[in-house]
Amino acid sequence: MNNITPYPVLEYVVNVIKNTISDIKTEYTAADAATLKDGNDTIDLVQRFDETGKTATILIKDPKDIIFSEDLFPELKNLQQSAKGKAIPELKDATVIINDLNIETHLIFQGVKDFFDELSSSYEFGKTVEKEVNITKNTYKFGSHFFGLTMINEPDTIIVKTGFQATIDPAIKKIIENDALKVQNAAIKMFKTGK
C-alpha cells in the first residue's frame, strides 16, 4: 500500500469511476497519476494544471471505452454539478479529456454518427483517424463511396465537413454534402441551441 495523497480533482474523478464500476482496482502511482484495473483492462488517469497552476485537466486513456460503456460521460462532463454539494473548489473549472477528446465532443460525435444512421442505412462509419480535444477526423462510406468527415466542436457551433477523392461521382458527392449539412444543423440544434 502506498502513501500517496492524490490531488483532489484526480481523487474525485477516480471515485466517480470506482463508485460506478464494481470491483475496479485503484493504484495511485503519484499525486497526479492513477491506474484503474477492471479485469485485464486498464484506465490511466493523469492530472495536469494550466499555466496558472490552478485549473486542473484530467487526461484519461481508456482504450476499451469502459467509461463510455458505463455511461459516465454526463457525470464527468460537469464535475462541479456532479459533486452534489461537496466543497471541492478545484472542481469548478476542471475539465476531463478522454482518449484525446473532451466529453462534450465525444457526446456530439456520437450524435453525429446517429444522425447519419437516421438519414440512411447506406452510411457506414469507418474509423477515427485523428482526435484533438474538440475535433475528430474520420473515414466514412456511403454505399461503396469513401469520404472523409471532420467534426469540429466550437464553443457556439458545430461544423461537419466532408472531403472526397477527385474521382467521386458528382451526384453522390452532392447527396453526401447535403446530408452533412442536415447532420450539422441537427447537431447544432441538439447540442448548441439554448445552451
C-alpha atoms as a PDB file:
ATOM      1  CA  MET A   1       0.000   0.000   0.000  1.00  0.00           C
ATOM      2  CA  ASN A   2       1.477   3.340  -0.983  1.00  0.00           C
ATOM      3  CA  ASN A   3       1.091   6.535   0.995  1.00  0.00           C
ATOM      4  CA  ILE A   4       0.425   8.855  -1.934  1.00  0.00           C
ATOM      5  CA  THR A   5      -2.057  11.667  -1.366  1.00  0.00           C
ATOM      6  CA  PRO A   6      -3.670  12.356  -4.747  1.00  0.00           C
ATOM      7  CA  TYR A   7      -4.726  15.786  -5.941  1.00  0.00           C
ATOM      8  CA  PRO A   8      -8.394  16.430  -5.034  1.00  0.00           C
ATOM      9  CA  VAL A   9      -9.698  16.587  -8.636  1.00  0.00           C
ATOM     10  CA  LEU A  10      -7.939  13.361  -9.613  1.00  0.00           C
ATOM     11  CA  GLU A  11      -9.210  11.661  -6.476  1.00  0.00           C
ATOM     12  CA  TYR A  12     -12.764  12.841  -7.171  1.00  0.00           C
ATOM     13  CA  VAL A  13     -12.708  11.559 -10.777  1.00  0.00           C
ATOM     14  CA  VAL A  14     -11.249   8.220  -9.647  1.00  0.00           C
ATOM     15  CA  ASN A  15     -14.030   7.910  -7.056  1.00  0.00           C
ATOM     16  CA  VAL A  16     -16.729   8.691  -9.642  1.00  0.00           C
ATOM     17  CA  ILE A  17     -15.438   5.814 -11.763  1.00  0.00           C
ATOM     18  CA  LYS A  18     -14.908   3.473  -8.783  1.00  0.00           C
ATOM     19  CA  ASN A  19     -18.441   4.101  -7.479  1.00  0.00           C
ATOM     20  CA  THR A  20     -19.899   3.029 -10.830  1.00  0.00           C
ATOM     21  CA  ILE A  21     -17.716   0.087 -11.792  1.00  0.00           C
ATOM     22  CA  SER A  22     -17.769  -2.587  -9.128  1.00  0.00           C
ATOM     23  CA  ASP A  23     -14.561  -4.457  -8.281  1.00  0.00           C
ATOM     24  CA  ILE A  24     -12.302  -1.977 -10.055  1.00  0.00           C
ATOM     25  CA  LYS A  25      -8.821  -1.799  -8.514  1.00  0.00           C
ATOM     26  CA  THR A  26      -7.146   1.568  -7.941  1.00  0.00           C
ATOM     27  CA  GLU A  27      -3.457   2.351  -7.776  1.00  0.00           C
ATOM     28  CA  TYR A  28      -2.126   5.876  -7.346  1.00  0.00           C
ATOM     29  CA  THR A  29       1.351   5.982  -8.868  1.00  0.00           C
ATOM     30  CA  ALA A  30       1.890   9.657  -7.990  1.00  0.00           C
ATOM     31  CA  ALA A  31      -0.140  12.569  -6.635  1.00  0.00           C
ATOM     32  CA  ASP A  32      -1.111  13.355 -10.237  1.00  0.00           C
ATOM     33  CA  ALA A  33      -1.498   9.820 -11.671  1.00  0.00           C
ATOM     34  CA  ALA A  34      -3.661   6.754 -11.138  1.00  0.00           C
ATOM     35  CA  THR A  35      -4.306   3.453 -12.866  1.00  0.00           C
ATOM     36  CA  LEU A  36      -7.652   1.690 -12.577  1.00  0.00           C
ATOM     37  CA  LYS A  37      -7.827  -2.015 -13.395  1.00  0.00           C
ATOM     38  CA  ASP A  38     -11.033  -3.750 -14.406  1.00  0.00           C
ATOM     39  CA  GLY A  39     -10.043  -7.370 -15.001  1.00  0.00           C
ATOM     40  CA  ASN A  40      -7.396  -7.230 -17.733  1.00  0.00           C
ATOM     41  CA  ASP A  41      -8.407  -3.733 -18.856  1.00  0.00           C
ATOM     42  CA  THR A  42      -6.837  -0.548 -17.530  1.00  0.00           C
ATOM     43  CA  ILE A  43      -7.809   3.101 -17.410  1.00  0.00           C
ATOM     44  CA  ASP A  44      -4.932   5.550 -16.892  1.00  0.00           C
ATOM     45  CA  LEU A  45      -5.584   8.995 -15.422  1.00  0.00           C
ATOM     46  CA  VAL A  46      -3.175  11.920 -15.170  1.00  0.00           C
ATOM     47  CA  GLN A  47      -3.901  15.359 -13.757  1.00  0.00           C
ATOM     48  CA  ARG A  48      -2.279  18.398 -15.360  1.00  0.00           C
ATOM     49  CA  PHE A  49      -2.572  22.079 -14.481  1.00  0.00           C
ATOM     50  CA  ASP A  50      -2.849  25.135 -16.699  1.00  0.00           C
ATOM     51  CA  GLU A  51      -0.110  27.775 -16.705  1.00  0.00           C
ATOM     52  CA  THR A  52      -1.563  29.414 -13.560  1.00  0.00           C
ATOM     53  CA  GLY A  53      -1.345  26.154 -11.643  1.00  0.00           C
ATOM     54  CA  LYS A  54      -4.959  26.480 -10.518  1.00  0.00           C
ATOM     55  CA  THR A  55      -7.135  24.866 -13.210  1.00  0.00           C
ATOM     56  CA  ALA A  56      -6.921  21.092 -13.500  1.00  0.00           C
ATOM     57  CA  THR A  57      -7.381  18.901 -16.533  1.00  0.00           C
ATOM     58  CA  ILE A  58      -7.751  15.151 -16.102  1.00  0.00           C
ATOM     59  CA  LEU A  59      -6.335  13.238 -19.075  1.00  0.00           C
ATOM     60  CA  ILE A  60      -7.786   9.743 -19.314  1.00  0.00           C
ATOM     61  CA  LYS A  61      -6.633   6.905 -21.547  1.00  0.00           C
ATOM     62  CA  ASP A  62      -9.415   4.332 -21.770  1.00  0.00           C
ATOM     63  CA  PRO A  63      -8.578   2.071 -24.745  1.00  0.00           C
ATOM     64  CA  LYS A  64     -11.597  -0.216 -24.223  1.00  0.00           C
ATOM     65  CA  ASP A  65     -14.086   2.693 -23.812  1.00  0.00           C
ATOM     66  CA  ILE A  66     -15.150   1.413 -20.395  1.00  0.00           C
ATOM     67  CA  ILE A  67     -16.176   4.918 -19.294  1.00  0.00           C
ATOM     68  CA  PHE A  68     -18.446   5.285 -22.325  1.00  0.00           C
ATOM     69  CA  SER A  69     -19.980   1.833 -21.848  1.00  0.00           C
ATOM     70  CA  GLU A  70     -20.699   2.615 -18.182  1.00  0.00           C
ATOM     71  CA  ASP A  71     -22.411   5.906 -19.189  1.00  0.00           C
ATOM     72  CA  LEU A  72     -20.118   8.073 -17.054  1.00  0.00           C
ATOM     73  CA  PHE A  73     -19.873  10.974 -19.524  1.00  0.00           C
ATOM     74  CA  PRO A  74     -22.712  13.038 -18.010  1.00  0.00           C
ATOM     75  CA  GLU A  75     -21.242  12.835 -14.524  1.00  0.00           C
ATOM     76  CA  LEU A  76     -17.725  13.625 -15.710  1.00  0.00           C
ATOM     77  CA  LYS A  77     -18.806  16.419 -18.079  1.00  0.00           C
ATOM     78  CA  ASN A  78     -19.587  18.902 -15.328  1.00  0.00           C
ATOM     79  CA  LEU A  79     -17.671  17.863 -12.255  1.00  0.00           C
ATOM     80  CA  GLN A  80     -18.917  20.666 -10.000  1.00  0.00           C
ATOM     81  CA  GLN A  81     -22.586  19.764 -10.585  1.00  0.00           C
ATOM     82  CA  SER A  82     -21.914  16.068 -10.107  1.00  0.00           C
ATOM     83  CA  ALA A  83     -20.174  16.789  -6.785  1.00  0.00           C
ATOM     84  CA  LYS A  84     -23.655  17.444  -5.307  1.00  0.00           C
ATOM     85  CA  GLY A  85     -22.743  19.970  -2.677  1.00  0.00           C
ATOM     86  CA  LYS A  86     -19.288  18.688  -1.783  1.00  0.00           C
ATOM     87  CA  ALA A  87     -16.991  21.646  -1.258  1.00  0.00           C
ATOM     88  CA  ILE A  88     -14.192  20.888  -3.700  1.00  0.00           C
ATOM     89  CA  PRO A  89     -13.356  24.313  -5.183  1.00  0.00           C
ATOM     90  CA  GLU A  90     -10.811  22.803  -7.607  1.00  0.00           C
ATOM     91  CA  LEU A  91     -13.689  21.121  -9.493  1.00  0.00           C
ATOM     92  CA  LYS A  92     -15.179  24.453 -10.579  1.00  0.00           C
ATOM     93  CA  ASP A  93     -13.127  24.869 -13.766  1.00  0.00           C
ATOM     94  CA  ALA A  94     -11.692  21.374 -14.104  1.00  0.00           C
ATOM     95  CA  THR A  95     -12.092  19.520 -17.380  1.00  0.00           C
ATOM     96  CA  VAL A  96     -11.845  15.897 -18.378  1.00  0.00           C
ATOM     97  CA  ILE A  97     -10.258  14.734 -21.645  1.00  0.00           C
ATOM     98  CA  ILE A  98     -10.903  11.081 -22.539  1.00  0.00           C
ATOM     99  CA  ASN A  99      -8.894   9.460 -25.322  1.00  0.00           C
ATOM    100  CA  ASP A 100      -7.853  12.908 -26.613  1.00  0.00           C
ATOM    101  CA  LEU A 101     -11.400  14.385 -26.794  1.00  0.00           C
ATOM    102  CA  ASN A 102     -13.318  16.462 -24.306  1.00  0.00           C
ATOM    103  CA  ILE A 103     -16.550  14.914 -23.128  1.00  0.00           C
ATOM    104  CA  GLU A 104     -18.837  17.321 -24.986  1.00  0.00           C
ATOM    105  CA  THR A 105     -17.074  16.443 -28.254  1.00  0.00           C
ATOM    106  CA  HIS A 106     -17.468  12.719 -27.510  1.00  0.00           C
ATOM    107  CA  LEU A 107     -21.213  13.203 -26.992  1.00  0.00           C
ATOM    108  CA  ILE A 108     -21.616  15.375 -30.088  1.00  0.00           C
ATOM    109  CA  PHE A 109     -19.656  12.953 -32.255  1.00  0.00           C
ATOM    110  CA  GLN A 110     -21.852  10.084 -31.087  1.00  0.00           C
ATOM    111  CA  GLY A 111     -24.859  12.236 -32.026  1.00  0.00           C
ATOM    112  CA  VAL A 112     -23.377  12.991 -35.464  1.00  0.00           C
ATOM    113  CA  LYS A 113     -22.918   9.264 -36.124  1.00  0.00           C
ATOM    114  CA  ASP A 114     -26.511   8.626 -35.016  1.00  0.00           C
ATOM    115  CA  PHE A 115     -27.829  11.410 -37.285  1.00  0.00           C
ATOM    116  CA  PHE A 116     -26.065   9.879 -40.298  1.00  0.00           C
ATOM    117  CA  ASP A 117     -27.550   6.472 -39.409  1.00  0.00           C
ATOM    118  CA  GLU A 118     -31.025   8.034 -39.236  1.00  0.00           C
ATOM    119  CA  LEU A 119     -30.625   9.678 -42.651  1.00  0.00           C
ATOM    120  CA  SER A 120     -29.690   6.489 -44.483  1.00  0.00           C
ATOM    121  CA  SER A 121     -28.641   2.945 -43.753  1.00  0.00           C
ATOM    122  CA  SER A 122     -26.116   3.406 -46.585  1.00  0.00           C
ATOM    123  CA  TYR A 123     -23.805   5.400 -44.282  1.00  0.00           C
ATOM    124  CA  GLU A 124     -21.133   3.365 -42.565  1.00  0.00           C
ATOM    125  CA  PHE A 125     -18.640   4.760 -40.068  1.00  0.00           C
ATOM    126  CA  GLY A 126     -15.100   3.618 -40.836  1.00  0.00           C
ATOM    127  CA  LYS A 127     -12.684   4.755 -38.170  1.00  0.00           C
ATOM    128  CA  THR A 128     -11.426   7.828 -36.406  1.00  0.00           C
ATOM    129  CA  VAL A 129      -8.075   8.792 -37.858  1.00  0.00           C
ATOM    130  CA  GLU A 130      -7.342  11.872 -35.762  1.00  0.00           C
ATOM    131  CA  LYS A 131      -8.588  13.397 -32.493  1.00  0.00           C
ATOM    132  CA  GLU A 132      -7.716  16.714 -30.931  1.00  0.00           C
ATOM    133  CA  VAL A 133      -9.775  17.768 -27.868  1.00  0.00           C
ATOM    134  CA  ASN A 134     -12.684  19.233 -29.901  1.00  0.00           C
ATOM    135  CA  ILE A 135     -12.026  17.826 -33.413  1.00  0.00           C
ATOM    136  CA  THR A 136     -12.494  14.368 -34.905  1.00  0.00           C
ATOM    137  CA  LYS A 137     -11.386  13.324 -38.378  1.00  0.00           C
ATOM    138  CA  ASN A 138     -12.953  10.108 -39.604  1.00  0.00           C
ATOM    139  CA  THR A 139     -13.436   7.854 -42.566  1.00  0.00           C
ATOM    140  CA  TYR A 140     -16.954   7.132 -43.718  1.00  0.00           C
ATOM    141  CA  LYS A 141     -18.593   5.190 -46.505  1.00  0.00           C
ATOM    142  CA  PHE A 142     -21.808   5.880 -48.409  1.00  0.00           C
ATOM    143  CA  GLY A 143     -22.638   2.696 -50.283  1.00  0.00           C
ATOM    144  CA  SER A 144     -19.325   1.915 -51.973  1.00  0.00           C
ATOM    145  CA  HIS A 145     -18.089   5.535 -51.873  1.00  0.00           C
ATOM    146  CA  PHE A 146     -15.485   6.503 -49.255  1.00  0.00           C
ATOM    147  CA  PHE A 147     -15.183  10.028 -47.896  1.00  0.00           C
ATOM    148  CA  GLY A 148     -13.598  11.902 -45.047  1.00  0.00           C
ATOM    149  CA  LEU A 149     -15.686  13.519 -42.328  1.00  0.00           C
ATOM    150  CA  THR A 150     -14.369  16.172 -39.972  1.00  0.00           C
ATOM    151  CA  MET A 151     -16.419  17.310 -36.984  1.00  0.00           C
ATOM    152  CA  ILE A 152     -15.373  20.434 -35.097  1.00  0.00           C
ATOM    153  CA  ASN A 153     -16.990  21.329 -31.782  1.00  0.00           C
ATOM    154  CA  GLU A 154     -16.717  25.121 -31.481  1.00  0.00           C
ATOM    155  CA  PRO A 155     -17.992  26.962 -28.378  1.00  0.00           C
ATOM    156  CA  ASP A 156     -21.139  28.214 -30.153  1.00  0.00           C
ATOM    157  CA  THR A 157     -21.487  25.949 -33.175  1.00  0.00           C
ATOM    158  CA  ILE A 158     -20.651  22.574 -34.684  1.00  0.00           C
ATOM    159  CA  ILE A 159     -19.010  22.182 -38.073  1.00  0.00           C
ATOM    160  CA  VAL A 160     -19.394  18.983 -40.104  1.00  0.00           C
ATOM    161  CA  LYS A 161     -17.137  18.970 -43.180  1.00  0.00           C
ATOM    162  CA  THR A 162     -16.665  16.357 -45.864  1.00  0.00           C
ATOM    163  CA  GLY A 163     -13.664  15.535 -48.027  1.00  0.00           C
ATOM    164  CA  PHE A 164     -13.666  13.479 -51.185  1.00  0.00           C
ATOM    165  CA  GLN A 165     -11.352  11.830 -53.661  1.00  0.00           C
ATOM    166  CA  ALA A 166     -11.294  13.601 -57.021  1.00  0.00           C
ATOM    167  CA  THR A 167     -12.880  10.576 -58.724  1.00  0.00           C
ATOM    168  CA  ILE A 168     -16.178  10.582 -56.774  1.00  0.00           C
ATOM    169  CA  ASP A 169     -19.382  10.822 -58.774  1.00  0.00           C
ATOM    170  CA  PRO A 170     -20.634  14.450 -58.556  1.00  0.00           C
ATOM    171  CA  ALA A 171     -24.225  13.314 -57.829  1.00  0.00           C
ATOM    172  CA  ILE A 172     -23.064  11.159 -54.880  1.00  0.00           C
ATOM    173  CA  LYS A 173     -20.862  13.996 -53.640  1.00  0.00           C
ATOM    174  CA  LYS A 174     -23.859  16.355 -53.657  1.00  0.00           C
ATOM    175  CA  ILE A 175     -26.002  13.849 -51.691  1.00  0.00           C
ATOM    176  CA  ILE A 176     -23.304  13.420 -49.045  1.00  0.00           C
ATOM    177  CA  GLU A 177     -22.675  17.185 -48.782  1.00  0.00           C
ATOM    178  CA  ASN A 178     -26.403  17.857 -48.359  1.00  0.00           C
ATOM    179  CA  ASP A 179     -26.681  15.132 -45.728  1.00  0.00           C
ATOM    180  CA  ALA A 180     -23.627  16.516 -43.891  1.00  0.00           C
ATOM    181  CA  LEU A 181     -25.330  19.923 -43.764  1.00  0.00           C
ATOM    182  CA  LYS A 182     -28.510  18.305 -42.384  1.00  0.00           C
ATOM    183  CA  VAL A 183     -26.431  16.484 -39.751  1.00  0.00           C
ATOM    184  CA  GLN A 184     -24.597  19.689 -38.852  1.00  0.00           C
ATOM    185  CA  ASN A 185     -27.887  21.568 -38.398  1.00  0.00           C
ATOM    186  CA  ALA A 186     -29.388  18.743 -36.315  1.00  0.00           C
ATOM    187  CA  ALA A 187     -26.274  18.622 -34.113  1.00  0.00           C
ATOM    188  CA  ILE A 188     -26.313  22.390 -33.585  1.00  0.00           C
ATOM    189  CA  LYS A 189     -29.995  22.241 -32.672  1.00  0.00           C
ATOM    190  CA  MET A 190     -29.477  19.369 -30.234  1.00  0.00           C
ATOM    191  CA  PHE A 191     -26.200  20.403 -28.601  1.00  0.00           C
ATOM    192  CA  LYS A 192     -25.795  24.182 -29.005  1.00  0.00           C
ATOM    193  CA  THR A 193     -29.181  25.891 -29.269  1.00  0.00           C
ATOM    194  CA  GLY A 194     -30.452  27.016 -25.892  1.00  0.00           C
ATOM    195  CA  LYS A 195     -27.154  26.190 -24.252  1.00  0.00           C
END
